[in-house]
Structure formats: structure tokens, C-alpha cells
Amino acid sequence: MPRLVGRQSNVGAYILSSLVLIIAAGGLLQYAGLIDIPGLVQDIDNSLEDDSTSQSPSGTFLAYQDLIAQEQNNV
């Protein structure tokens, strides 16, 4: 009979992989329209839109133009 020396439990790995599968399945169901989590898609769209506008060089340029115009008006 072999001794099980050094064997560790895989419960943590099983729990982590189960959570990943559950989240992925929920995302697929949301995408397919079978379930509806209120505001989830809108929140994601808003966050992606905010990220894209904050990294836009043209948006930065326009912000600098506004600042320059404000400074010229204050003088």
C-alpha cells in the first residue's frame, strides 16, 4: 500500500476554476440575451467610452484649447 506523502488538496484550484466557469457562463448568457443583469451592459459601455475618450489625443488637444481660451478671457 503506497503512502500518500506530500500530496496536497486541490480544493482551492477546483473552487477557482468553478468560479471562472460560472462567471464565463453568466457572461455568455448575458451576451445571448437569456438573462438580464440590470445596468451591466450600460456600465461596461460607459466605462469603455470614458477610457477611449480620456486616451484620445484630439480630446486632450480640445481641452488645452479650452484652457487657453479661458486664460485669454481672464486677462
Protein backbone atom coordinates (compact mmCIF):
# COMPACT_ATOMS: atom_id res chain seq x y z
CA MET A 1 0.00 0.00 0.00
CA PRO A 2 1.67 3.29 -1.08
CA ARG A 3 1.83 6.17 1.35
CA LEU A 4 0.41 9.49 0.20
CA VAL A 5 3.32 11.62 1.34
CA GLY A 6 3.43 15.19 0.11
CA ARG A 7 0.02 15.12 -1.55
CA GLN A 8 -1.89 18.35 -1.22
CA SER A 9 -5.55 19.04 -1.60
CA ASN A 10 -6.72 20.57 -4.88
CA VAL A 11 -9.84 22.15 -3.37
CA GLY A 12 -8.57 25.71 -3.95
CA ALA A 13 -7.91 25.04 -7.62
CA TYR A 14 -11.33 23.44 -8.02
CA ILE A 15 -13.07 26.42 -6.40
CA LEU A 16 -11.15 28.93 -8.52
CA SER A 17 -11.84 27.10 -11.76
CA SER A 18 -15.52 26.74 -10.81
CA LEU A 19 -15.81 30.49 -10.19
CA VAL A 20 -14.18 31.27 -13.54
CA LEU A 21 -16.57 28.92 -15.33
CA ILE A 22 -19.61 30.38 -13.55
CA ILE A 23 -18.60 33.95 -14.43
CA ALA A 24 -17.91 32.98 -18.05
CA ALA A 25 -21.25 31.20 -18.32
CA GLY A 26 -23.03 34.23 -16.85
CA GLY A 27 -21.30 36.50 -19.36
CA LEU A 28 -22.32 34.27 -22.24
CA LEU A 29 -25.92 34.14 -21.04
CA GLN A 30 -25.96 37.93 -20.67
CA TYR A 31 -24.49 38.33 -24.15
CA ALA A 32 -27.02 35.92 -25.65
CA GLY A 33 -29.86 37.83 -24.01
CA LEU A 34 -31.10 34.88 -21.98
CA ILE A 35 -30.58 36.73 -18.70
CA ASP A 36 -30.55 40.44 -17.96
CA ILE A 37 -28.43 41.94 -15.23
CA PRO A 38 -29.79 45.49 -14.98
CA GLY A 39 -27.31 48.15 -16.00
CA LEU A 40 -24.39 45.77 -16.56
CA VAL A 41 -24.05 46.36 -20.29
CA GLN A 42 -24.61 50.10 -19.93
CA ASP A 43 -21.99 50.36 -17.17
CA ILE A 44 -19.46 48.48 -19.30
CA ASP A 45 -20.24 50.65 -22.34
CA ASN A 46 -19.84 53.81 -20.28
CA SER A 47 -16.53 52.71 -18.78
CA LEU A 48 -15.17 51.75 -22.20
CA GLU A 49 -16.34 55.05 -23.67
CA ASP A 50 -14.72 57.00 -20.82
CA ASP A 51 -11.45 55.13 -21.32
CA SER A 52 -11.40 55.77 -25.05
CA THR A 53 -12.15 59.48 -24.71
CA SER A 54 -9.59 60.01 -21.95
CA GLN A 55 -6.85 58.49 -24.11
CA SER A 56 -7.78 60.40 -27.25
CA PRO A 57 -5.17 62.93 -28.32
CA SER A 58 -7.81 65.08 -30.04
CA GLY A 59 -9.79 65.27 -26.80
CA THR A 60 -6.67 66.38 -24.97
CA PHE A 61 -5.98 68.97 -27.65
CA LEU A 62 -9.52 70.34 -27.33
CA ALA A 63 -9.18 70.52 -23.56
CA TYR A 64 -5.97 72.54 -23.93
CA GLN A 65 -7.70 74.87 -26.38
CA ASP A 66 -10.47 75.45 -23.84
CA LEU A 67 -7.92 76.22 -21.12
CA ILE A 68 -6.09 78.65 -23.39
CA ALA A 69 -9.35 80.38 -24.29
CA GLN A 70 -10.29 80.70 -20.61
CA GLU A 71 -6.89 82.19 -19.76
CA GLN A 72 -7.17 84.69 -22.60
CA ASN A 73 -10.62 85.73 -21.41
CA ASN A 74 -9.35 86.24 -17.85
CA VAL A 75 -6.53 88.57 -18.96
